[in-house]
Amino acid sequence: MIRLTFVFACGGAFRLFADRIAYTGRGAAVAALLLLPLMFSRPLAEPAFAILGGYLIFWFAFAVRPNALSRATAQVDPSYGLYLYAWPLQNLLIARIPGISPWTVAGLALAAAIPLGILSWYLVERPMLRDRPGSGGAIRLGAGEAVPAAPALGR
């Protein structure tokens, strides 16, 4: 419990001092160079990961420009469906194919869960986001962008 409390406190400190922390490429390089050797020190690995790894995560989130994959997933977001369907698929594979290796389970489950996640986005999640109260018929994508929703049938 103390370990999780420390990580939570580090995240809280990043938020509390957000106006004083500069997320720069140089800072990320220093954090990565310090983090790498500290990960091999048993007593220092976890605190280093919480502090330096936290900096790297926030630097990546706030300072790194989106790439083509980020822009593509702003339009289609299969992540929740992928999360939702991967676990049952993994269990099904393990139950039906005795002795299957974990790598094979991961690969097959991912290959099957991606199309299911995409179908889930188009058939369930996107229509639900569009029709939720207060959405104004638009789907918010991030960075202030909005895509007008198609009119629902029967309205």
Foldseek 3Di string as FASTA:
>chain_A
DVLVVLLVVLVVVCVVCVVPDDLDPVLLVVLVVVQVVQCPPVVRNSVSCSNSVVSNVVSCVPPDDDDPVLVVCLVFPLVVQLVVQLVVQLVVCCVPPPPDDPVVSVVVSNVVSSVRSRCCRVPPVVVCQQPDPPPQSWHDRDPPDIDHHDDDPPD
